[in-house]
Amino acid sequence: MSPKVLIAGIGNVFLGDDGFGVETVRALSAHHLPDGVEVVDFGVRGVHLAYQLLDGYDTLVLVDATARGGAPGTLYLIEAEAGGGAGGGAGADGQGAGPGEGPVLDGHHMSPDTVLALLGALCAGTGATPPRRTLVLGCEPACVEEGIGLSAPVAAAVPQAVRMALDLFDRPAPDGAGPPRRELRRTP
Protein backbone atom coordinates (compact mmCIF):
# COMPACT_ATOMS: atom_id res chain seq x y z
CA MET A 1 0.00 0.00 0.00
CA SER A 2 1.39 3.39 -0.97
CA PRO A 3 1.63 6.13 1.67
CA LYS A 4 -1.29 8.55 1.87
CA VAL A 5 -0.46 12.09 0.82
CA LEU A 6 -2.70 15.14 1.15
CA ILE A 7 -1.98 18.21 -0.97
CA ALA A 8 -4.08 20.97 0.58
CA GLY A 9 -4.74 24.26 -1.17
CA ILE A 10 -5.43 26.98 1.36
CA GLY A 11 -6.10 30.69 1.09
CA ASN A 12 -8.76 33.30 0.48
CA VAL A 13 -9.61 33.90 -3.19
CA PHE A 14 -11.14 37.28 -2.24
CA LEU A 15 -7.74 38.59 -1.08
CA GLY A 16 -5.76 38.63 -4.33
CA ASP A 17 -2.60 36.56 -4.08
CA ASP A 18 -3.85 34.78 -0.96
CA GLY A 19 -5.75 32.62 -3.48
CA PHE A 20 -2.45 31.11 -4.72
CA GLY A 21 -2.99 27.78 -2.93
CA VAL A 22 -6.54 27.39 -4.21
CA GLU A 23 -5.54 28.21 -7.80
CA THR A 24 -2.52 25.89 -7.67
CA VAL A 25 -4.47 22.83 -6.47
CA ARG A 26 -7.13 23.56 -9.10
CA ALA A 27 -4.42 23.44 -11.77
CA LEU A 28 -2.78 20.40 -10.13
CA SER A 29 -6.03 18.41 -10.19
CA ALA A 30 -5.87 18.31 -14.01
CA HIS A 31 -2.71 16.16 -13.84
CA HIS A 32 -2.19 12.46 -13.30
CA LEU A 33 -1.28 11.70 -9.71
CA PRO A 34 0.04 8.53 -8.09
CA ASP A 35 -2.26 6.33 -6.03
CA GLY A 36 -2.56 7.59 -2.49
CA VAL A 37 -2.16 11.28 -3.42
CA GLU A 38 -5.25 13.36 -2.70
CA VAL A 39 -5.65 17.02 -3.76
CA VAL A 40 -8.21 19.11 -1.86
CA ASP A 41 -9.19 22.78 -2.04
CA PHE A 42 -9.67 23.82 1.60
CA GLY A 43 -9.72 27.56 0.93
CA VAL A 44 -10.22 29.30 4.28
CA ARG A 45 -11.50 26.21 6.08
CA GLY A 46 -8.46 25.45 8.23
CA VAL A 47 -10.53 23.67 10.88
CA HIS A 48 -11.78 21.23 8.22
CA LEU A 49 -8.19 20.61 7.16
CA ALA A 50 -7.16 19.76 10.72
CA TYR A 51 -10.03 17.29 11.06
CA GLN A 52 -9.30 15.77 7.62
CA LEU A 53 -5.75 15.04 8.77
CA LEU A 54 -7.12 12.80 11.52
CA ASP A 55 -7.83 10.28 8.72
CA GLY A 56 -4.14 9.40 8.76
CA TYR A 57 -1.77 10.82 6.14
CA ASP A 58 1.93 10.09 5.87
CA THR A 59 2.70 13.41 4.18
CA LEU A 60 0.93 16.77 4.11
CA VAL A 61 1.74 19.45 1.53
CA LEU A 62 0.19 22.83 2.33
CA VAL A 63 -0.01 25.10 -0.74
CA ASP A 64 -0.36 28.72 0.34
CA ALA A 65 0.75 32.30 -0.14
CA THR A 66 3.88 32.60 1.98
CA ALA A 67 5.35 36.01 2.81
CA ARG A 68 9.07 35.58 3.46
CA GLY A 69 10.48 38.80 1.98
CA GLY A 70 11.36 37.58 -1.52
CA ALA A 71 10.27 38.99 -4.84
CA PRO A 72 6.58 38.43 -5.66
CA GLY A 73 6.15 35.07 -7.39
CA THR A 74 9.14 33.48 -5.64
CA LEU A 75 8.35 29.87 -4.75
CA TYR A 76 9.41 28.21 -1.51
CA LEU A 77 9.42 24.59 -0.43
CA ILE A 78 9.60 24.57 3.35
CA GLU A 79 9.92 21.49 5.53
CA ALA A 80 7.89 22.06 8.69
CA GLU A 81 9.90 21.80 11.85
CA ALA A 82 9.33 18.98 14.31
CA GLY A 83 6.74 20.09 16.81
CA GLY A 84 4.38 21.60 14.26
CA GLY A 85 6.00 24.89 13.18
CA ALA A 86 5.90 25.61 9.48
CA GLY A 87 9.39 27.05 9.43
CA GLY A 88 9.74 30.80 9.30
CA GLY A 89 6.21 32.08 9.46
CA ALA A 90 4.48 30.40 6.55
CA GLY A 91 1.11 31.85 5.70
CA ALA A 92 0.35 35.21 4.17
CA ASP A 93 -1.55 36.47 7.18
CA GLY A 94 1.17 35.54 9.68
CA GLN A 95 -1.42 34.85 12.36
CA GLY A 96 -0.79 32.08 14.79
CA ALA A 97 -0.86 31.27 18.43
CA GLY A 98 1.51 33.06 20.75
CA PRO A 99 3.66 31.20 23.28
CA GLY A 100 1.50 29.12 25.58
CA GLU A 101 -1.76 30.22 23.94
CA GLY A 102 -2.81 27.16 21.93
CA PRO A 103 -4.32 27.38 18.46
CA VAL A 104 -6.43 30.38 17.47
CA LEU A 105 -9.77 28.93 16.37
CA ASP A 106 -10.85 31.54 13.84
CA GLY A 107 -11.74 29.32 10.89
CA HIS A 108 -11.16 32.11 8.36
CA HIS A 109 -7.72 33.22 9.58
CA MET A 110 -5.80 30.03 10.29
CA SER A 111 -2.19 30.05 9.13
CA PRO A 112 -0.43 26.72 8.50
CA ASP A 113 1.21 27.04 11.94
CA THR A 114 -2.22 27.35 13.57
CA VAL A 115 -3.66 24.40 11.63
CA LEU A 116 -0.72 22.25 12.72
CA ALA A 117 -1.11 23.37 16.34
CA LEU A 118 -4.82 22.48 16.23
CA LEU A 119 -3.95 19.13 14.67
CA GLY A 120 -1.54 18.46 17.53
CA ALA A 121 -4.28 19.14 20.06
CA LEU A 122 -6.76 16.96 18.16
CA CYS A 123 -4.28 14.09 17.89
CA ALA A 124 -3.51 14.29 21.59
CA GLY A 125 -7.22 14.09 22.36
CA THR A 126 -8.08 11.31 19.92
CA GLY A 127 -4.94 9.19 19.78
CA ALA A 128 -4.61 9.84 16.03
CA THR A 129 -1.19 10.27 14.44
CA PRO A 130 -0.23 13.50 12.65
CA PRO A 131 1.50 13.33 9.25
CA ARG A 132 5.08 12.13 9.49
CA ARG A 133 6.20 14.86 7.10
CA THR A 134 4.75 18.31 6.44
CA LEU A 135 5.84 20.58 3.61
CA VAL A 136 4.69 24.07 2.69
CA LEU A 137 4.76 24.89 -1.01
CA GLY A 138 4.50 28.65 -0.82
CA CYS A 139 4.58 31.63 -3.11
CA GLU A 140 5.63 35.16 -2.21
CA PRO A 141 2.53 37.34 -2.68
CA ALA A 142 2.53 40.80 -4.30
CA CYS A 143 -0.86 41.88 -2.93
CA VAL A 144 -3.22 40.35 -0.38
CA GLU A 145 -5.74 43.17 -0.34
CA GLU A 146 -9.41 42.76 -1.24
CA GLY A 147 -9.84 41.73 -4.84
CA ILE A 148 -10.28 38.61 -6.92
CA GLY A 149 -7.45 37.31 -9.07
CA LEU A 150 -3.75 36.73 -8.71
CA SER A 151 -1.14 39.37 -9.53
CA ALA A 152 0.89 38.74 -12.69
CA PRO A 153 4.02 37.38 -10.92
CA VAL A 154 2.00 35.02 -8.70
CA ALA A 155 -0.18 33.82 -11.60
CA ALA A 156 3.01 33.12 -13.57
CA ALA A 157 4.32 31.03 -10.65
CA VAL A 158 1.29 28.68 -10.58
CA PRO A 159 2.49 26.32 -13.40
CA GLN A 160 5.93 26.12 -11.80
CA ALA A 161 4.32 25.33 -8.41
CA VAL A 162 2.28 22.57 -10.05
CA ARG A 163 5.50 21.12 -11.49
CA MET A 164 7.15 21.29 -8.05
CA ALA A 165 4.24 19.39 -6.51
CA LEU A 166 4.27 16.77 -9.27
CA ASP A 167 8.03 16.33 -8.87
CA LEU A 168 7.53 15.55 -5.18
CA PHE A 169 5.29 12.55 -5.81
CA ASP A 170 5.08 11.72 -9.51
CA ARG A 171 6.50 8.30 -10.25
CA PRO A 172 6.09 6.91 -13.77
CA ALA A 173 3.96 3.79 -14.02
CA PRO A 174 5.84 0.68 -15.21
CA ASP A 175 3.50 0.24 -18.18
CA GLY A 176 3.79 3.91 -19.16
CA ALA A 177 0.03 4.49 -18.87
CA GLY A 178 0.34 6.66 -15.80
CA PRO A 179 -1.99 6.83 -12.85
CA PRO A 180 -5.56 8.06 -13.28
CA ARG A 181 -6.50 11.74 -13.04
CA ARG A 182 -7.89 12.79 -9.69
CA GLU A 183 -10.93 14.97 -9.24
CA LEU A 184 -10.37 18.10 -7.19
CA ARG A 185 -12.36 17.84 -4.00
CA ARG A 186 -13.61 20.85 -2.11
CA THR A 187 -14.52 20.63 1.52
CA PRO A 188 -18.09 21.58 2.48
C-alpha atoms as a PDB file:
ATOM      1  CA  MET A   1       0.000   0.000   0.000  1.00  0.00           C
ATOM      2  CA  SER A   2       1.386   3.394  -0.966  1.00  0.00           C
ATOM      3  CA  PRO A   3       1.626   6.133   1.670  1.00  0.00           C
ATOM      4  CA  LYS A   4      -1.290   8.549   1.874  1.00  0.00           C
ATOM      5  CA  VAL A   5      -0.457  12.092   0.821  1.00  0.00           C
ATOM      6  CA  LEU A   6      -2.700  15.140   1.150  1.00  0.00           C
ATOM      7  CA  ILE A   7      -1.980  18.208  -0.969  1.00  0.00           C
ATOM      8  CA  ALA A   8      -4.084  20.974   0.579  1.00  0.00           C
ATOM      9  CA  GLY A   9      -4.738  24.263  -1.170  1.00  0.00           C
ATOM     10  CA  ILE A  10      -5.432  26.981   1.355  1.00  0.00           C
ATOM     11  CA  GLY A  11      -6.098  30.691   1.095  1.00  0.00           C
ATOM     12  CA  ASN A  12      -8.763  33.297   0.479  1.00  0.00           C
ATOM     13  CA  VAL A  13      -9.607  33.904  -3.194  1.00  0.00           C
ATOM     14  CA  PHE A  14     -11.144  37.282  -2.236  1.00  0.00           C
ATOM     15  CA  LEU A  15      -7.744  38.595  -1.077  1.00  0.00           C
ATOM     16  CA  GLY A  16      -5.757  38.633  -4.328  1.00  0.00           C
ATOM     17  CA  ASP A  17      -2.603  36.557  -4.084  1.00  0.00           C
ATOM     18  CA  ASP A  18      -3.845  34.777  -0.958  1.00  0.00           C
ATOM     19  CA  GLY A  19      -5.748  32.621  -3.482  1.00  0.00           C
ATOM     20  CA  PHE A  20      -2.455  31.110  -4.723  1.00  0.00           C
ATOM     21  CA  GLY A  21      -2.993  27.777  -2.930  1.00  0.00           C
ATOM     22  CA  VAL A  22      -6.541  27.393  -4.214  1.00  0.00           C
ATOM     23  CA  GLU A  23      -5.541  28.206  -7.796  1.00  0.00           C
ATOM     24  CA  THR A  24      -2.518  25.892  -7.666  1.00  0.00           C
ATOM     25  CA  VAL A  25      -4.473  22.831  -6.475  1.00  0.00           C
ATOM     26  CA  ARG A  26      -7.131  23.559  -9.100  1.00  0.00           C
ATOM     27  CA  ALA A  27      -4.423  23.435 -11.775  1.00  0.00           C
ATOM     28  CA  LEU A  28      -2.780  20.401 -10.128  1.00  0.00           C
ATOM     29  CA  SER A  29      -6.027  18.414 -10.193  1.00  0.00           C
ATOM     30  CA  ALA A  30      -5.866  18.310 -14.014  1.00  0.00           C
ATOM     31  CA  HIS A  31      -2.708  16.157 -13.836  1.00  0.00           C
ATOM     32  CA  HIS A  32      -2.192  12.456 -13.304  1.00  0.00           C
ATOM     33  CA  LEU A  33      -1.275  11.699  -9.708  1.00  0.00           C
ATOM     34  CA  PRO A  34       0.040   8.526  -8.090  1.00  0.00           C
ATOM     35  CA  ASP A  35      -2.258   6.329  -6.034  1.00  0.00           C
ATOM     36  CA  GLY A  36      -2.562   7.586  -2.491  1.00  0.00           C
ATOM     37  CA  VAL A  37      -2.155  11.278  -3.417  1.00  0.00           C
ATOM     38  CA  GLU A  38      -5.246  13.359  -2.704  1.00  0.00           C
ATOM     39  CA  VAL A  39      -5.647  17.019  -3.764  1.00  0.00           C
ATOM     40  CA  VAL A  40      -8.206  19.110  -1.863  1.00  0.00           C
ATOM     41  CA  ASP A  41      -9.188  22.781  -2.039  1.00  0.00           C
ATOM     42  CA  PHE A  42      -9.673  23.822   1.597  1.00  0.00           C
ATOM     43  CA  GLY A  43      -9.725  27.559   0.929  1.00  0.00           C
ATOM     44  CA  VAL A  44     -10.216  29.301   4.276  1.00  0.00           C
ATOM     45  CA  ARG A  45     -11.502  26.205   6.076  1.00  0.00           C
ATOM     46  CA  GLY A  46      -8.461  25.452   8.227  1.00  0.00           C
ATOM     47  CA  VAL A  47     -10.526  23.668  10.877  1.00  0.00           C
ATOM     48  CA  HIS A  48     -11.782  21.229   8.218  1.00  0.00           C
ATOM     49  CA  LEU A  49      -8.193  20.610   7.158  1.00  0.00           C
ATOM     50  CA  ALA A  50      -7.163  19.765  10.717  1.00  0.00           C
ATOM     51  CA  TYR A  51     -10.029  17.290  11.056  1.00  0.00           C
ATOM     52  CA  GLN A  52      -9.295  15.765   7.619  1.00  0.00           C
ATOM     53  CA  LEU A  53      -5.751  15.044   8.770  1.00  0.00           C
ATOM     54  CA  LEU A  54      -7.117  12.802  11.519  1.00  0.00           C
ATOM     55  CA  ASP A  55      -7.835  10.276   8.720  1.00  0.00           C
ATOM     56  CA  GLY A  56      -4.136   9.398   8.761  1.00  0.00           C
ATOM     57  CA  TYR A  57      -1.769  10.819   6.144  1.00  0.00           C
ATOM     58  CA  ASP A  58       1.929  10.088   5.870  1.00  0.00           C
ATOM     59  CA  THR A  59       2.696  13.409   4.179  1.00  0.00           C
ATOM     60  CA  LEU A  60       0.931  16.770   4.110  1.00  0.00           C
ATOM     61  CA  VAL A  61       1.736  19.447   1.535  1.00  0.00           C
ATOM     62  CA  LEU A  62       0.195  22.828   2.328  1.00  0.00           C
ATOM     63  CA  VAL A  63      -0.012  25.095  -0.737  1.00  0.00           C
ATOM     64  CA  ASP A  64      -0.357  28.717   0.344  1.00  0.00           C
ATOM     65  CA  ALA A  65       0.752  32.304  -0.141  1.00  0.00           C
ATOM     66  CA  THR A  66       3.876  32.600   1.985  1.00  0.00           C
ATOM     67  CA  ALA A  67       5.349  36.012   2.807  1.00  0.00           C
ATOM     68  CA  ARG A  68       9.070  35.578   3.456  1.00  0.00           C
ATOM     69  CA  GLY A  69      10.477  38.796   1.984  1.00  0.00           C
ATOM     70  CA  GLY A  70      11.363  37.581  -1.521  1.00  0.00           C
ATOM     71  CA  ALA A  71      10.274  38.991  -4.844  1.00  0.00           C
ATOM     72  CA  PRO A  72       6.582  38.433  -5.664  1.00  0.00           C
ATOM     73  CA  GLY A  73       6.149  35.073  -7.390  1.00  0.00           C
ATOM     74  CA  THR A  74       9.143  33.479  -5.637  1.00  0.00           C
ATOM     75  CA  LEU A  75       8.345  29.869  -4.748  1.00  0.00           C
ATOM     76  CA  TYR A  76       9.405  28.214  -1.513  1.00  0.00           C
ATOM     77  CA  LEU A  77       9.420  24.590  -0.431  1.00  0.00           C
ATOM     78  CA  ILE A  78       9.602  24.573   3.345  1.00  0.00           C
ATOM     79  CA  GLU A  79       9.919  21.485   5.531  1.00  0.00           C
ATOM     80  CA  ALA A  80       7.892  22.065   8.688  1.00  0.00           C
ATOM     81  CA  GLU A  81       9.903  21.799  11.845  1.00  0.00           C
ATOM     82  CA  ALA A  82       9.335  18.980  14.308  1.00  0.00           C
ATOM     83  CA  GLY A  83       6.743  20.091  16.809  1.00  0.00           C
ATOM     84  CA  GLY A  84       4.383  21.604  14.264  1.00  0.00           C
ATOM     85  CA  GLY A  85       5.997  24.886  13.184  1.00  0.00           C
ATOM     86  CA  ALA A  86       5.902  25.612   9.483  1.00  0.00           C
ATOM     87  CA  GLY A  87       9.388  27.051   9.429  1.00  0.00           C
ATOM     88  CA  GLY A  88       9.736  30.799   9.302  1.00  0.00           C
ATOM     89  CA  GLY A  89       6.205  32.083   9.462  1.00  0.00           C
ATOM     90  CA  ALA A  90       4.475  30.399   6.548  1.00  0.00           C
ATOM     91  CA  GLY A  91       1.109  31.853   5.699  1.00  0.00           C
ATOM     92  CA  ALA A  92       0.347  35.207   4.175  1.00  0.00           C
ATOM     93  CA  ASP A  93      -1.551  36.470   7.181  1.00  0.00           C
ATOM     94  CA  GLY A  94       1.166  35.539   9.681  1.00  0.00           C
ATOM     95  CA  GLN A  95      -1.418  34.849  12.357  1.00  0.00           C
ATOM     96  CA  GLY A  96      -0.789  32.075  14.786  1.00  0.00           C
ATOM     97  CA  ALA A  97      -0.860  31.271  18.431  1.00  0.00           C
ATOM     98  CA  GLY A  98       1.510  33.055  20.755  1.00  0.00           C
ATOM     99  CA  PRO A  99       3.660  31.203  23.283  1.00  0.00           C
ATOM    100  CA  GLY A 100       1.501  29.115  25.581  1.00  0.00           C
ATOM    101  CA  GLU A 101      -1.761  30.218  23.940  1.00  0.00           C
ATOM    102  CA  GLY A 102      -2.806  27.157  21.927  1.00  0.00           C
ATOM    103  CA  PRO A 103      -4.319  27.383  18.458  1.00  0.00           C
ATOM    104  CA  VAL A 104      -6.433  30.377  17.471  1.00  0.00           C
ATOM    105  CA  LEU A 105      -9.768  28.933  16.370  1.00  0.00           C
ATOM    106  CA  ASP A 106     -10.848  31.536  13.835  1.00  0.00           C
ATOM    107  CA  GLY A 107     -11.737  29.318  10.891  1.00  0.00           C
ATOM    108  CA  HIS A 108     -11.157  32.107   8.364  1.00  0.00           C
ATOM    109  CA  HIS A 109      -7.721  33.217   9.581  1.00  0.00           C
ATOM    110  CA  MET A 110      -5.802  30.031  10.289  1.00  0.00           C
ATOM    111  CA  SER A 111      -2.192  30.047   9.127  1.00  0.00           C
ATOM    112  CA  PRO A 112      -0.427  26.720   8.499  1.00  0.00           C
ATOM    113  CA  ASP A 113       1.208  27.045  11.941  1.00  0.00           C
ATOM    114  CA  THR A 114      -2.219  27.354  13.569  1.00  0.00           C
ATOM    115  CA  VAL A 115      -3.658  24.397  11.632  1.00  0.00           C
ATOM    116  CA  LEU A 116      -0.715  22.247  12.724  1.00  0.00           C
ATOM    117  CA  ALA A 117      -1.110  23.366  16.338  1.00  0.00           C
ATOM    118  CA  LEU A 118      -4.821  22.482  16.228  1.00  0.00           C
ATOM    119  CA  LEU A 119      -3.953  19.126  14.674  1.00  0.00           C
ATOM    120  CA  GLY A 120      -1.536  18.461  17.527  1.00  0.00           C
ATOM    121  CA  ALA A 121      -4.277  19.138  20.065  1.00  0.00           C
ATOM    122  CA  LEU A 122      -6.761  16.956  18.161  1.00  0.00           C
ATOM    123  CA  CYS A 123      -4.277  14.092  17.887  1.00  0.00           C
ATOM    124  CA  ALA A 124      -3.506  14.293  21.590  1.00  0.00           C
ATOM    125  CA  GLY A 125      -7.223  14.092  22.364  1.00  0.00           C
ATOM    126  CA  THR A 126      -8.082  11.314  19.919  1.00  0.00           C
ATOM    127  CA  GLY A 127      -4.940   9.188  19.775  1.00  0.00           C
ATOM    128  CA  ALA A 128      -4.606   9.842  16.032  1.00  0.00           C
ATOM    129  CA  THR A 129      -1.189  10.269  14.445  1.00  0.00           C
ATOM    130  CA  PRO A 130      -0.226  13.496  12.646  1.00  0.00           C
ATOM    131  CA  PRO A 131       1.496  13.333   9.250  1.00  0.00           C
ATOM    132  CA  ARG A 132       5.079  12.127   9.492  1.00  0.00           C
ATOM    133  CA  ARG A 133       6.197  14.860   7.100  1.00  0.00           C
ATOM    134  CA  THR A 134       4.745  18.309   6.442  1.00  0.00           C
ATOM    135  CA  LEU A 135       5.840  20.575   3.608  1.00  0.00           C
ATOM    136  CA  VAL A 136       4.694  24.071   2.688  1.00  0.00           C
ATOM    137  CA  LEU A 137       4.756  24.892  -1.014  1.00  0.00           C
ATOM    138  CA  GLY A 138       4.499  28.648  -0.819  1.00  0.00           C
ATOM    139  CA  CYS A 139       4.579  31.632  -3.112  1.00  0.00           C
ATOM    140  CA  GLU A 140       5.627  35.163  -2.214  1.00  0.00           C
ATOM    141  CA  PRO A 141       2.527  37.344  -2.682  1.00  0.00           C
ATOM    142  CA  ALA A 142       2.528  40.796  -4.298  1.00  0.00           C
ATOM    143  CA  CYS A 143      -0.857  41.877  -2.932  1.00  0.00           C
ATOM    144  CA  VAL A 144      -3.220  40.349  -0.377  1.00  0.00           C
ATOM    145  CA  GLU A 145      -5.738  43.172  -0.337  1.00  0.00           C
ATOM    146  CA  GLU A 146      -9.409  42.758  -1.241  1.00  0.00           C
ATOM    147  CA  GLY A 147      -9.841  41.729  -4.843  1.00  0.00           C
ATOM    148  CA  ILE A 148     -10.282  38.607  -6.925  1.00  0.00           C
ATOM    149  CA  GLY A 149      -7.445  37.307  -9.070  1.00  0.00           C
ATOM    150  CA  LEU A 150      -3.747  36.732  -8.712  1.00  0.00           C
ATOM    151  CA  SER A 151      -1.142  39.367  -9.531  1.00  0.00           C
ATOM    152  CA  ALA A 152       0.891  38.740 -12.694  1.00  0.00           C
ATOM    153  CA  PRO A 153       4.018  37.380 -10.925  1.00  0.00           C
ATOM    154  CA  VAL A 154       1.997  35.021  -8.705  1.00  0.00           C
ATOM    155  CA  ALA A 155      -0.181  33.818 -11.598  1.00  0.00           C
ATOM    156  CA  ALA A 156       3.008  33.115 -13.571  1.00  0.00           C
ATOM    157  CA  ALA A 157       4.321  31.025 -10.654  1.00  0.00           C
ATOM    158  CA  VAL A 158       1.292  28.675 -10.575  1.00  0.00           C
ATOM    159  CA  PRO A 159       2.490  26.324 -13.397  1.00  0.00           C
ATOM    160  CA  GLN A 160       5.928  26.123 -11.797  1.00  0.00           C
ATOM    161  CA  ALA A 161       4.322  25.334  -8.414  1.00  0.00           C
ATOM    162  CA  VAL A 162       2.280  22.571 -10.050  1.00  0.00           C
ATOM    163  CA  ARG A 163       5.503  21.119 -11.494  1.00  0.00           C
ATOM    164  CA  MET A 164       7.154  21.286  -8.053  1.00  0.00           C
ATOM    165  CA  ALA A 165       4.239  19.386  -6.509  1.00  0.00           C
ATOM    166  CA  LEU A 166       4.274  16.773  -9.270  1.00  0.00           C
ATOM    167  CA  ASP A 167       8.025  16.331  -8.872  1.00  0.00           C
ATOM    168  CA  LEU A 168       7.531  15.549  -5.184  1.00  0.00           C
ATOM    169  CA  PHE A 169       5.290  12.552  -5.810  1.00  0.00           C
ATOM    170  CA  ASP A 170       5.078  11.720  -9.507  1.00  0.00           C
ATOM    171  CA  ARG A 171       6.503   8.305 -10.250  1.00  0.00           C
ATOM    172  CA  PRO A 172       6.094   6.914 -13.769  1.00  0.00           C
ATOM    173  CA  ALA A 173       3.960   3.788 -14.024  1.00  0.00           C
ATOM    174  CA  PRO A 174       5.841   0.681 -15.208  1.00  0.00           C
ATOM    175  CA  ASP A 175       3.495   0.238 -18.182  1.00  0.00           C
ATOM    176  CA  GLY A 176       3.790   3.908 -19.156  1.00  0.00           C
ATOM    177  CA  ALA A 177       0.030   4.486 -18.870  1.00  0.00           C
ATOM    178  CA  GLY A 178       0.342   6.662 -15.801  1.00  0.00           C
ATOM    179  CA  PRO A 179      -1.991   6.829 -12.850  1.00  0.00           C
ATOM    180  CA  PRO A 180      -5.564   8.063 -13.283  1.00  0.00           C
ATOM    181  CA  ARG A 181      -6.500  11.736 -13.038  1.00  0.00           C
ATOM    182  CA  ARG A 182      -7.888  12.791  -9.689  1.00  0.00           C
ATOM    183  CA  GLU A 183     -10.929  14.974  -9.242  1.00  0.00           C
ATOM    184  CA  LEU A 184     -10.372  18.105  -7.192  1.00  0.00           C
ATOM    185  CA  ARG A 185     -12.358  17.840  -3.997  1.00  0.00           C
ATOM    186  CA  ARG A 186     -13.614  20.847  -2.106  1.00  0.00           C
ATOM    187  CA  THR A 187     -14.519  20.628   1.518  1.00  0.00           C
ATOM    188  CA  PRO A 188     -18.086  21.581   2.481  1.00  0.00           C
END
